[in-house]
Amino acid sequence: MTETVNMHQAKSTLSRLVERALAGEDVIIARNGEPLVRLVPVAKERKPRVPGRLKGKVWMAPDFDEMSEEELRDWEGR
């Protein structure tokens, strides 16, 4: 939903308008009914992925994916 508010109303309800923009609503601020700016959240800066960062910290048992015949039958619904 888009909400257009005049400058005076935006000054007195800025906190509410910011919350609505953070929630994903489209908020436009106008002067004398003419749209001037759109209020949008600032994108969070993402850190680049570092390959191998968990090397030596993760361990899996050699048989972690092995199943007994009974488990296999249950899994396959036989």
PDB file of N, CA and C in Angstrom:
ATOM      1  N   MET A   1       0.841  -1.176   0.000  1.00  0.00           N
ATOM      2  CA  MET A   1       0.000   0.000   0.000  1.00  0.00           C
ATOM      3  C   MET A   1       0.887   1.240   0.000  1.00  0.00           C
ATOM      4  N   THR A   2       0.533   2.226  -0.793  1.00  0.00           N
ATOM      5  CA  THR A   2       1.284   3.471  -0.859  1.00  0.00           C
ATOM      6  C   THR A   2       0.592   4.541  -0.030  1.00  0.00           C
ATOM      7  N   GLU A   3       1.393   5.219   0.789  1.00  0.00           N
ATOM      8  CA  GLU A   3       0.855   6.336   1.563  1.00  0.00           C
ATOM      9  C   GLU A   3       1.603   7.593   1.157  1.00  0.00           C
ATOM     10  N   THR A   4       0.851   8.613   0.754  1.00  0.00           N
ATOM     11  CA  THR A   4       1.446   9.908   0.428  1.00  0.00           C
ATOM     12  C   THR A   4       1.055  10.882   1.527  1.00  0.00           C
ATOM     13  N   VAL A   5       2.071  11.514   2.115  1.00  0.00           N
ATOM     14  CA  VAL A   5       1.816  12.477   3.191  1.00  0.00           C
ATOM     15  C   VAL A   5       2.486  13.800   2.843  1.00  0.00           C
ATOM     16  N   ASN A   6       1.877  14.889   3.284  1.00  0.00           N
ATOM     17  CA  ASN A   6       2.475  16.201   3.067  1.00  0.00           C
ATOM     18  C   ASN A   6       3.593  16.433   4.074  1.00  0.00           C
ATOM     19  N   MET A   7       4.460  17.373   3.761  1.00  0.00           N
ATOM     20  CA  MET A   7       5.649  17.652   4.547  1.00  0.00           C
ATOM     21  C   MET A   7       5.313  17.906   6.020  1.00  0.00           C
ATOM     22  N   HIS A   8       4.308  18.713   6.303  1.00  0.00           N
ATOM     23  CA  HIS A   8       3.963  19.036   7.680  1.00  0.00           C
ATOM     24  C   HIS A   8       3.552  17.783   8.448  1.00  0.00           C
ATOM     25  N   GLN A   9       2.728  16.945   7.831  1.00  0.00           N
ATOM     26  CA  GLN A   9       2.303  15.706   8.477  1.00  0.00           C
ATOM     27  C   GLN A   9       3.495  14.768   8.672  1.00  0.00           C
ATOM     28  N   ALA A  10       4.408  14.737   7.711  1.00  0.00           N
ATOM     29  CA  ALA A  10       5.589  13.877   7.812  1.00  0.00           C
ATOM     30  C   ALA A  10       6.464  14.304   8.986  1.00  0.00           C
ATOM     31  N   LYS A  11       6.586  15.610   9.210  1.00  0.00           N
ATOM     32  CA  LYS A  11       7.385  16.100  10.336  1.00  0.00           C
ATOM     33  C   LYS A  11       6.812  15.630  11.665  1.00  0.00           C
ATOM     34  N   SER A  12       5.502  15.659  11.787  1.00  0.00           N
ATOM     35  CA  SER A  12       4.890  15.311  13.071  1.00  0.00           C
ATOM     36  C   SER A  12       4.695  13.799  13.259  1.00  0.00           C
ATOM     37  N   THR A  13       4.809  13.014  12.203  1.00  0.00           N
ATOM     38  CA  THR A  13       4.600  11.564  12.324  1.00  0.00           C
ATOM     39  C   THR A  13       5.774  10.768  11.745  1.00  0.00           C
ATOM     40  N   LEU A  14       6.975  11.337  11.802  1.00  0.00           N
ATOM     41  CA  LEU A  14       8.129  10.697  11.166  1.00  0.00           C
ATOM     42  C   LEU A  14       8.389   9.288  11.713  1.00  0.00           C
ATOM     43  N   SER A  15       8.334   9.105  13.016  1.00  0.00           N
ATOM     44  CA  SER A  15       8.602   7.782  13.595  1.00  0.00           C
ATOM     45  C   SER A  15       7.643   6.736  13.035  1.00  0.00           C
ATOM     46  N   ARG A  16       6.379   7.065  12.953  1.00  0.00           N
ATOM     47  CA  ARG A  16       5.379   6.129  12.426  1.00  0.00           C
ATOM     48  C   ARG A  16       5.654   5.831  10.953  1.00  0.00           C
ATOM     49  N   LEU A  17       6.020   6.857  10.192  1.00  0.00           N
ATOM     50  CA  LEU A  17       6.297   6.658   8.770  1.00  0.00           C
ATOM     51  C   LEU A  17       7.530   5.783   8.562  1.00  0.00           C
ATOM     52  N   VAL A  18       8.545   5.970   9.403  1.00  0.00           N
ATOM     53  CA  VAL A  18       9.754   5.143   9.306  1.00  0.00           C
ATOM     54  C   VAL A  18       9.395   3.688   9.596  1.00  0.00           C
ATOM     55  N   GLU A  19       8.601   3.436  10.623  1.00  0.00           N
ATOM     56  CA  GLU A  19       8.193   2.071  10.950  1.00  0.00           C
ATOM     57  C   GLU A  19       7.433   1.436   9.787  1.00  0.00           C
ATOM     58  N   ARG A  20       6.576   2.191   9.152  1.00  0.00           N
ATOM     59  CA  ARG A  20       5.813   1.658   8.017  1.00  0.00           C
ATOM     60  C   ARG A  20       6.736   1.347   6.841  1.00  0.00           C
ATOM     61  N   ALA A  21       7.728   2.214   6.589  1.00  0.00           N
ATOM     62  CA  ALA A  21       8.685   1.959   5.511  1.00  0.00           C
ATOM     63  C   ALA A  21       9.510   0.709   5.814  1.00  0.00           C
ATOM     64  N   LEU A  22       9.915   0.549   7.078  1.00  0.00           N
ATOM     65  CA  LEU A  22      10.675  -0.638   7.462  1.00  0.00           C
ATOM     66  C   LEU A  22       9.840  -1.908   7.307  1.00  0.00           C
ATOM     67  N   ALA A  23       8.541  -1.789   7.442  1.00  0.00           N
ATOM     68  CA  ALA A  23       7.643  -2.934   7.291  1.00  0.00           C
ATOM     69  C   ALA A  23       7.369  -3.243   5.822  1.00  0.00           C
ATOM     70  N   GLY A  24       7.920  -2.439   4.908  1.00  0.00           N
ATOM     71  CA  GLY A  24       7.771  -2.719   3.480  1.00  0.00           C
ATOM     72  C   GLY A  24       6.748  -1.867   2.764  1.00  0.00           C
ATOM     73  N   GLU A  25       6.108  -0.953   3.472  1.00  0.00           N
ATOM     74  CA  GLU A  25       5.126  -0.094   2.815  1.00  0.00           C
ATOM     75  C   GLU A  25       5.831   1.020   2.044  1.00  0.00           C
ATOM     76  N   ASP A  26       5.175   1.500   1.021  1.00  0.00           N
ATOM     77  CA  ASP A  26       5.693   2.580   0.195  1.00  0.00           C
ATOM     78  C   ASP A  26       5.216   3.903   0.803  1.00  0.00           C
ATOM     79  N   VAL A  27       6.167   4.745   1.238  1.00  0.00           N
ATOM     80  CA  VAL A  27       5.829   6.027   1.861  1.00  0.00           C
ATOM     81  C   VAL A  27       6.415   7.146   1.003  1.00  0.00           C
ATOM     82  N   ILE A  28       5.549   8.044   0.544  1.00  0.00           N
ATOM     83  CA  ILE A  28       5.974   9.171  -0.288  1.00  0.00           C
ATOM     84  C   ILE A  28       5.671  10.465   0.451  1.00  0.00           C
ATOM     85  N   ILE A  29       6.658  11.354   0.480  1.00  0.00           N
ATOM     86  CA  ILE A  29       6.476  12.657   1.124  1.00  0.00           C
ATOM     87  C   ILE A  29       6.314  13.704   0.017  1.00  0.00           C
ATOM     88  N   ALA A  30       5.279  14.532   0.184  1.00  0.00           N
ATOM     89  CA  ALA A  30       4.936  15.520  -0.848  1.00  0.00           C
ATOM     90  C   ALA A  30       4.933  16.925  -0.248  1.00  0.00           C
ATOM     91  N   ARG A  31       5.048  17.900  -1.117  1.00  0.00           N
ATOM     92  CA  ARG A  31       4.908  19.312  -0.738  1.00  0.00           C
ATOM     93  C   ARG A  31       3.797  19.886  -1.597  1.00  0.00           C
ATOM     94  N   ASN A  32       2.783  20.431  -0.943  1.00  0.00           N
ATOM     95  CA  ASN A  32       1.622  20.983  -1.639  1.00  0.00           C
ATOM     96  C   ASN A  32       0.997  19.959  -2.599  1.00  0.00           C
ATOM     97  N   GLY A  33       0.996  18.685  -2.165  1.00  0.00           N
ATOM     98  CA  GLY A  33       0.379  17.636  -2.974  1.00  0.00           C
ATOM     99  C   GLY A  33       1.264  17.079  -4.073  1.00  0.00           C
ATOM    100  N   GLU A  34       2.455  17.641  -4.273  1.00  0.00           N
ATOM    101  CA  GLU A  34       3.371  17.169  -5.326  1.00  0.00           C
ATOM    102  C   GLU A  34       4.403  16.225  -4.711  1.00  0.00           C
ATOM    103  N   PRO A  35       4.442  14.967  -5.132  1.00  0.00           N
ATOM    104  CA  PRO A  35       5.395  14.002  -4.564  1.00  0.00           C
ATOM    105  C   PRO A  35       6.840  14.469  -4.757  1.00  0.00           C
ATOM    106  N   LEU A  36       7.631  14.383  -3.657  1.00  0.00           N
ATOM    107  CA  LEU A  36       9.031  14.814  -3.717  1.00  0.00           C
ATOM    108  C   LEU A  36      10.011  13.676  -3.479  1.00  0.00           C
ATOM    109  N   VAL A  37       9.776  12.922  -2.410  1.00  0.00           N
ATOM    110  CA  VAL A  37      10.731  11.866  -2.050  1.00  0.00           C
ATOM    111  C   VAL A  37       9.988  10.597  -1.616  1.00  0.00           C
ATOM    112  N   ARG A  38      10.702   9.490  -1.698  1.00  0.00           N
ATOM    113  CA  ARG A  38      10.166   8.207  -1.241  1.00  0.00           C
ATOM    114  C   ARG A  38      11.017   7.766  -0.052  1.00  0.00           C
ATOM    115  N   LEU A  39      10.366   7.329   1.014  1.00  0.00           N
ATOM    116  CA  LEU A  39      11.040   6.860   2.214  1.00  0.00           C
ATOM    117  C   LEU A  39      11.257   5.361   2.080  1.00  0.00           C
ATOM    118  N   VAL A  40      12.535   4.952   2.063  1.00  0.00           N
ATOM    119  CA  VAL A  40      12.872   3.533   1.908  1.00  0.00           C
ATOM    120  C   VAL A  40      13.926   3.145   2.941  1.00  0.00           C
ATOM    121  N   PRO A  41      13.917   1.880   3.386  1.00  0.00           N
ATOM    122  CA  PRO A  41      14.950   1.437   4.328  1.00  0.00           C
ATOM    123  C   PRO A  41      16.308   1.323   3.645  1.00  0.00           C
ATOM    124  N   VAL A  42      17.354   1.501   4.421  1.00  0.00           N
ATOM    125  CA  VAL A  42      18.718   1.355   3.913  1.00  0.00           C
ATOM    126  C   VAL A  42      19.065  -0.132   3.933  1.00  0.00           C
ATOM    127  N   ALA A  43      19.593  -0.632   2.833  1.00  0.00           N
ATOM    128  CA  ALA A  43      19.969  -2.043   2.751  1.00  0.00           C
ATOM    129  C   ALA A  43      21.154  -2.311   3.672  1.00  0.00           C
ATOM    130  N   LYS A  44      21.091  -3.449   4.380  1.00  0.00           N
ATOM    131  CA  LYS A  44      22.188  -3.815   5.263  1.00  0.00           C
ATOM    132  C   LYS A  44      23.373  -4.263   4.438  1.00  0.00           C
ATOM    133  N   GLU A  45      24.558  -3.872   4.887  1.00  0.00           N
ATOM    134  CA  GLU A  45      25.781  -4.251   4.186  1.00  0.00           C
ATOM    135  C   GLU A  45      26.092  -5.709   4.499  1.00  0.00           C
ATOM    136  N   ARG A  46      26.294  -6.477   3.457  1.00  0.00           N
ATOM    137  CA  ARG A  46      26.593  -7.891   3.633  1.00  0.00           C
ATOM    138  C   ARG A  46      28.087  -8.120   3.497  1.00  0.00           C
ATOM    139  N   LYS A  47      28.620  -8.914   4.404  1.00  0.00           N
ATOM    140  CA  LYS A  47      30.040  -9.253   4.335  1.00  0.00           C
ATOM    141  C   LYS A  47      30.224 -10.349   3.290  1.00  0.00           C
ATOM    142  N   PRO A  48      31.314 -10.295   2.531  1.00  0.00           N
ATOM    143  CA  PRO A  48      31.538 -11.337   1.522  1.00  0.00           C
ATOM    144  C   PRO A  48      31.809 -12.686   2.191  1.00  0.00           C
ATOM    145  N   ARG A  49      31.378 -13.745   1.509  1.00  0.00           N
ATOM    146  CA  ARG A  49      31.623 -15.093   2.024  1.00  0.00           C
ATOM    147  C   ARG A  49      33.099 -15.440   1.889  1.00  0.00           C
ATOM    148  N   VAL A  50      33.604 -16.168   2.867  1.00  0.00           N
ATOM    149  CA  VAL A  50      34.999 -16.593   2.857  1.00  0.00           C
ATOM    150  C   VAL A  50      35.033 -18.112   2.751  1.00  0.00           C
ATOM    151  N   PRO A  51      35.428 -18.651   1.586  1.00  0.00           N
ATOM    152  CA  PRO A  51      35.467 -20.104   1.433  1.00  0.00           C
ATOM    153  C   PRO A  51      36.461 -20.734   2.419  1.00  0.00           C
ATOM    154  N   GLY A  52      36.065 -21.864   2.981  1.00  0.00           N
ATOM    155  CA  GLY A  52      36.957 -22.602   3.870  1.00  0.00           C
ATOM    156  C   GLY A  52      37.004 -22.072   5.290  1.00  0.00           C
ATOM    157  N   ARG A  53      36.128 -21.178   5.636  1.00  0.00           N
ATOM    158  CA  ARG A  53      36.157 -20.552   6.963  1.00  0.00           C
ATOM    159  C   ARG A  53      35.919 -21.572   8.076  1.00  0.00           C
ATOM    160  N   LEU A  54      35.157 -22.638   7.784  1.00  0.00           N
ATOM    161  CA  LEU A  54      34.868 -23.650   8.803  1.00  0.00           C
ATOM    162  C   LEU A  54      35.758 -24.895   8.676  1.00  0.00           C
ATOM    163  N   LYS A  55      36.792 -24.823   7.867  1.00  0.00           N
ATOM    164  CA  LYS A  55      37.668 -25.977   7.677  1.00  0.00           C
ATOM    165  C   LYS A  55      38.266 -26.393   9.023  1.00  0.00           C
ATOM    166  N   GLY A  56      38.141 -27.693   9.313  1.00  0.00           N
ATOM    167  CA  GLY A  56      38.674 -28.223  10.564  1.00  0.00           C
ATOM    168  C   GLY A  56      37.730 -28.065  11.745  1.00  0.00           C
ATOM    169  N   LYS A  57      36.598 -27.389  11.557  1.00  0.00           N
ATOM    170  CA  LYS A  57      35.651 -27.164  12.651  1.00  0.00           C
ATOM    171  C   LYS A  57      34.412 -28.047  12.531  1.00  0.00           C
ATOM    172  N   VAL A  58      34.215 -28.663  11.371  1.00  0.00           N
ATOM    173  CA  VAL A  58      33.047 -29.509  11.151  1.00  0.00           C
ATOM    174  C   VAL A  58      33.524 -30.948  10.991  1.00  0.00           C
ATOM    175  N   TRP A  59      32.844 -31.857  11.674  1.00  0.00           N
ATOM    176  CA  TRP A  59      33.213 -33.263  11.601  1.00  0.00           C
ATOM    177  C   TRP A  59      31.976 -34.093  11.343  1.00  0.00           C
ATOM    178  N   MET A  60      32.094 -35.088  10.464  1.00  0.00           N
ATOM    179  CA  MET A  60      31.006 -36.027  10.206  1.00  0.00           C
ATOM    180  C   MET A  60      31.550 -37.441  10.373  1.00  0.00           C
ATOM    181  N   ALA A  61      30.757 -38.264  11.020  1.00  0.00           N
ATOM    182  CA  ALA A  61      31.148 -39.666  11.187  1.00  0.00           C
ATOM    183  C   ALA A  61      31.203 -40.337   9.818  1.00  0.00           C
ATOM    184  N   PRO A  62      32.115 -41.252   9.617  1.00  0.00           N
ATOM    185  CA  PRO A  62      32.224 -41.920   8.311  1.00  0.00           C
ATOM    186  C   PRO A  62      30.942 -42.634   7.903  1.00  0.00           C
ATOM    187  N   ASP A  63      30.124 -43.026   8.864  1.00  0.00           N
ATOM    188  CA  ASP A  63      28.907 -43.766   8.548  1.00  0.00           C
ATOM    189  C   ASP A  63      27.640 -42.932   8.753  1.00  0.00           C
ATOM    190  N   PHE A  64      27.733 -41.610   8.693  1.00  0.00           N
ATOM    191  CA  PHE A  64      26.586 -40.767   9.005  1.00  0.00           C
ATOM    192  C   PHE A  64      25.403 -40.992   8.070  1.00  0.00           C
ATOM    193  N   ASP A  65      25.628 -41.438   6.847  1.00  0.00           N
ATOM    194  CA  ASP A  65      24.524 -41.620   5.904  1.00  0.00           C
ATOM    195  C   ASP A  65      24.154 -43.083   5.677  1.00  0.00           C
ATOM    196  N   GLU A  66      24.689 -43.981   6.479  1.00  0.00           N
ATOM    197  CA  GLU A  66      24.363 -45.398   6.342  1.00  0.00           C
ATOM    198  C   GLU A  66      23.106 -45.713   7.129  1.00  0.00           C
ATOM    199  N   MET A  67      22.273 -46.628   6.573  1.00  0.00           N
ATOM    200  CA  MET A  67      21.046 -47.046   7.236  1.00  0.00           C
ATOM    201  C   MET A  67      21.017 -48.563   7.333  1.00  0.00           C
ATOM    202  N   SER A  68      20.382 -49.025   8.385  1.00  0.00           N
ATOM    203  CA  SER A  68      20.175 -50.470   8.486  1.00  0.00           C
ATOM    204  C   SER A  68      19.083 -50.855   7.489  1.00  0.00           C
ATOM    205  N   GLU A  69      18.942 -52.132   7.224  1.00  0.00           N
ATOM    206  CA  GLU A  69      17.914 -52.602   6.298  1.00  0.00           C
ATOM    207  C   GLU A  69      16.522 -52.200   6.795  1.00  0.00           C
ATOM    208  N   GLU A  70      16.312 -52.279   8.107  1.00  0.00           N
ATOM    209  CA  GLU A  70      15.014 -51.912   8.676  1.00  0.00           C
ATOM    210  C   GLU A  70      14.727 -50.415   8.462  1.00  0.00           C
ATOM    211  N   GLU A  71      15.719 -49.554   8.709  1.00  0.00           N
ATOM    212  CA  GLU A  71      15.541 -48.109   8.495  1.00  0.00           C
ATOM    213  C   GLU A  71      15.284 -47.817   7.019  1.00  0.00           C
ATOM    214  N   LEU A  72      16.001 -48.512   6.138  1.00  0.00           N
ATOM    215  CA  LEU A  72      15.829 -48.318   4.703  1.00  0.00           C
ATOM    216  C   LEU A  72      14.418 -48.708   4.263  1.00  0.00           C
ATOM    217  N   ARG A  73      13.899 -49.832   4.772  1.00  0.00           N
ATOM    218  CA  ARG A  73      12.527 -50.250   4.445  1.00  0.00           C
ATOM    219  C   ARG A  73      11.526 -49.206   4.940  1.00  0.00           C
ATOM    220  N   ASP A  74      11.717 -48.709   6.169  1.00  0.00           N
ATOM    221  CA  ASP A  74      10.818 -47.684   6.718  1.00  0.00           C
ATOM    222  C   ASP A  74      10.875 -46.415   5.865  1.00  0.00           C
ATOM    223  N   TRP A  75      12.063 -46.050   5.474  1.00  0.00           N
ATOM    224  CA  TRP A  75      12.252 -44.817   4.675  1.00  0.00           C
ATOM    225  C   TRP A  75      11.566 -44.931   3.311  1.00  0.00           C
ATOM    226  N   GLU A  76      11.712 -46.091   2.686  1.00  0.00           N
ATOM    227  CA  GLU A  76      11.153 -46.299   1.353  1.00  0.00           C
ATOM    228  C   GLU A  76       9.696 -46.740   1.403  1.00  0.00           C
ATOM    229  N   GLY A  77       9.165 -47.003   2.597  1.00  0.00           N
ATOM    230  CA  GLY A  77       7.774 -47.386   2.743  1.00  0.00           C
ATOM    231  C   GLY A  77       7.460 -48.793   2.302  1.00  0.00           C
ATOM    232  N   ARG A  78       8.427 -49.682   2.382  1.00  0.00           N
ATOM    233  CA  ARG A  78       8.206 -51.084   1.962  1.00  0.00           C
ATOM    234  C   ARG A  78       7.646 -51.898   3.087  1.00  0.00           C
TER     235      ARG A  78
END
